[in-house]
Amino acid sequence: MKQGEAFYEILRKKGLLDPYFERFNFENYGGAPVLGINSTVVVGHGISNDKAIYNMILLTKDVHNAKLSEKIKQALESFPK
C-alpha cells in the first residue's frame, strides 16, 4: 500500500495523473481496514487532512455495515480443522 502511495506522489509531482492513478491517493479512501480483529477497525495516516478523515469515516461506516469482520470469521470457521 505504501509503495502505491509513493508511486502516486511521484506521478502527481510530474503531472502524469489520470483517473486510474487517483485510486492510489490515500485521501480518497482515508484509511484501510485492519483484519484479524473481532470488530471494525480502520487505520489512517498520521498526516491525514480533513478530506482523508471524512473519507475514513465513510469507509468505516461501509465496512461496519458490510459486517466484514463477521464474514471473515464465518469464512475461516468453514475451513476444515
C-alpha atoms as a PDB file:
ATOM      1  CA  MET A   1       0.000   0.000   0.000  1.00  0.00           C
ATOM      2  CA  LYS A   2       2.792   2.397   0.906  1.00  0.00           C
ATOM      3  CA  GLN A   3       4.530   1.671  -2.381  1.00  0.00           C
ATOM      4  CA  GLY A   4       1.367   2.541  -4.305  1.00  0.00           C
ATOM      5  CA  GLU A   5       1.073   5.820  -2.417  1.00  0.00           C
ATOM      6  CA  ALA A   6       4.715   6.674  -3.148  1.00  0.00           C
ATOM      7  CA  PHE A   7       4.150   5.880  -6.836  1.00  0.00           C
ATOM      8  CA  TYR A   8       1.121   8.187  -6.818  1.00  0.00           C
ATOM      9  CA  GLU A   9       3.177  11.021  -5.298  1.00  0.00           C
ATOM     10  CA  ILE A  10       5.871  10.678  -7.971  1.00  0.00           C
ATOM     11  CA  LEU A  11       3.280  10.765 -10.769  1.00  0.00           C
ATOM     12  CA  ARG A  12       1.470  13.708  -9.161  1.00  0.00           C
ATOM     13  CA  LYS A  13       4.689  15.746  -8.933  1.00  0.00           C
ATOM     14  CA  LYS A  14       5.397  15.035 -12.608  1.00  0.00           C
ATOM     15  CA  GLY A  15       1.829  15.933 -13.634  1.00  0.00           C
ATOM     16  CA  LEU A  16       1.146  12.453 -15.056  1.00  0.00           C
ATOM     17  CA  LEU A  17      -2.094  11.627 -13.262  1.00  0.00           C
ATOM     18  CA  ASP A  18      -5.226  10.134 -14.728  1.00  0.00           C
ATOM     19  CA  PRO A  19      -8.330   8.592 -13.093  1.00  0.00           C
ATOM     20  CA  TYR A  20      -6.657   5.182 -12.735  1.00  0.00           C
ATOM     21  CA  PHE A  21      -3.822   6.571 -10.617  1.00  0.00           C
ATOM     22  CA  GLU A  22      -6.211   8.564  -8.427  1.00  0.00           C
ATOM     23  CA  ARG A  23      -7.029   5.189  -6.837  1.00  0.00           C
ATOM     24  CA  PHE A  24      -3.630   5.393  -5.131  1.00  0.00           C
ATOM     25  CA  ASN A  25      -4.360   8.744  -3.433  1.00  0.00           C
ATOM     26  CA  PHE A  26      -4.854   7.914   0.252  1.00  0.00           C
ATOM     27  CA  GLU A  27      -7.103  10.961   0.694  1.00  0.00           C
ATOM     28  CA  ASN A  28      -9.769   9.282  -1.450  1.00  0.00           C
ATOM     29  CA  TYR A  29     -10.092   6.363   0.991  1.00  0.00           C
ATOM     30  CA  GLY A  30      -8.784   7.830   4.213  1.00  0.00           C
ATOM     31  CA  GLY A  31      -7.678   4.522   5.672  1.00  0.00           C
ATOM     32  CA  ALA A  32      -7.623   0.773   5.461  1.00  0.00           C
ATOM     33  CA  PRO A  33      -9.473  -1.861   7.487  1.00  0.00           C
ATOM     34  CA  VAL A  34      -7.402  -3.813   9.995  1.00  0.00           C
ATOM     35  CA  LEU A  35      -8.149  -7.506   9.584  1.00  0.00           C
ATOM     36  CA  GLY A  36      -7.965 -10.167  12.289  1.00  0.00           C
ATOM     37  CA  ILE A  37      -9.848  -8.178  14.916  1.00  0.00           C
ATOM     38  CA  ASN A  38     -13.352  -9.032  16.097  1.00  0.00           C
ATOM     39  CA  SER A  39     -14.587  -5.527  15.409  1.00  0.00           C
ATOM     40  CA  THR A  40     -14.497  -2.746  12.843  1.00  0.00           C
ATOM     41  CA  VAL A  41     -11.123  -1.004  12.934  1.00  0.00           C
ATOM     42  CA  VAL A  42      -9.825   1.349  10.260  1.00  0.00           C
ATOM     43  CA  VAL A  43      -6.379   2.911  10.445  1.00  0.00           C
ATOM     44  CA  GLY A  44      -5.411   6.128   8.692  1.00  0.00           C
ATOM     45  CA  HIS A  45      -2.320   8.231   8.061  1.00  0.00           C
ATOM     46  CA  GLY A  46      -0.954  10.465  10.762  1.00  0.00           C
ATOM     47  CA  ILE A  47      -0.753  13.204   8.120  1.00  0.00           C
ATOM     48  CA  SER A  48      -4.435  12.896   7.188  1.00  0.00           C
ATOM     49  CA  ASN A  49      -6.211  16.110   6.333  1.00  0.00           C
ATOM     50  CA  ASP A  50      -9.919  16.869   6.627  1.00  0.00           C
ATOM     51  CA  LYS A  51     -10.746  15.173   3.298  1.00  0.00           C
ATOM     52  CA  ALA A  52      -8.930  11.969   4.291  1.00  0.00           C
ATOM     53  CA  ILE A  53     -10.569  11.875   7.734  1.00  0.00           C
ATOM     54  CA  TYR A  54     -14.007  12.439   6.225  1.00  0.00           C
ATOM     55  CA  ASN A  55     -13.456   9.605   3.742  1.00  0.00           C
ATOM     56  CA  MET A  56     -12.101   7.361   6.513  1.00  0.00           C
ATOM     57  CA  ILE A  57     -15.331   7.861   8.466  1.00  0.00           C
ATOM     58  CA  LEU A  58     -17.360   6.931   5.380  1.00  0.00           C
ATOM     59  CA  LEU A  59     -15.160   3.867   4.789  1.00  0.00           C
ATOM     60  CA  THR A  60     -15.558   2.797   8.424  1.00  0.00           C
ATOM     61  CA  LYS A  61     -19.339   3.062   8.095  1.00  0.00           C
ATOM     62  CA  ASP A  62     -19.275   0.945   4.923  1.00  0.00           C
ATOM     63  CA  VAL A  63     -17.008  -1.710   6.489  1.00  0.00           C
ATOM     64  CA  HIS A  64     -19.213  -1.856   9.586  1.00  0.00           C
ATOM     65  CA  ASN A  65     -22.448  -2.092   7.572  1.00  0.00           C
ATOM     66  CA  ALA A  66     -20.936  -4.830   5.395  1.00  0.00           C
ATOM     67  CA  LYS A  67     -20.209  -6.829   8.575  1.00  0.00           C
ATOM     68  CA  LEU A  68     -16.730  -7.538   7.221  1.00  0.00           C
ATOM     69  CA  SER A  69     -15.275  -8.977  10.443  1.00  0.00           C
ATOM     70  CA  GLU A  70     -18.259 -11.334  10.841  1.00  0.00           C
ATOM     71  CA  LYS A  71     -17.962 -12.539   7.235  1.00  0.00           C
ATOM     72  CA  ILE A  72     -14.249 -13.204   7.624  1.00  0.00           C
ATOM     73  CA  LYS A  73     -14.854 -15.101  10.859  1.00  0.00           C
ATOM     74  CA  GLN A  74     -17.569 -17.233   9.226  1.00  0.00           C
ATOM     75  CA  ALA A  75     -15.355 -17.962   6.224  1.00  0.00           C
ATOM     76  CA  LEU A  76     -12.462 -19.032   8.439  1.00  0.00           C
ATOM     77  CA  GLU A  77     -14.718 -21.246  10.557  1.00  0.00           C
ATOM     78  CA  SER A  78     -15.822 -23.110   7.439  1.00  0.00           C
ATOM     79  CA  PHE A  79     -12.285 -24.409   6.803  1.00  0.00           C
ATOM     80  CA  PRO A  80     -11.711 -27.980   7.960  1.00  0.00           C
ATOM     81  CA  LYS A  81      -9.575 -28.273  11.071  1.00  0.00           C
END
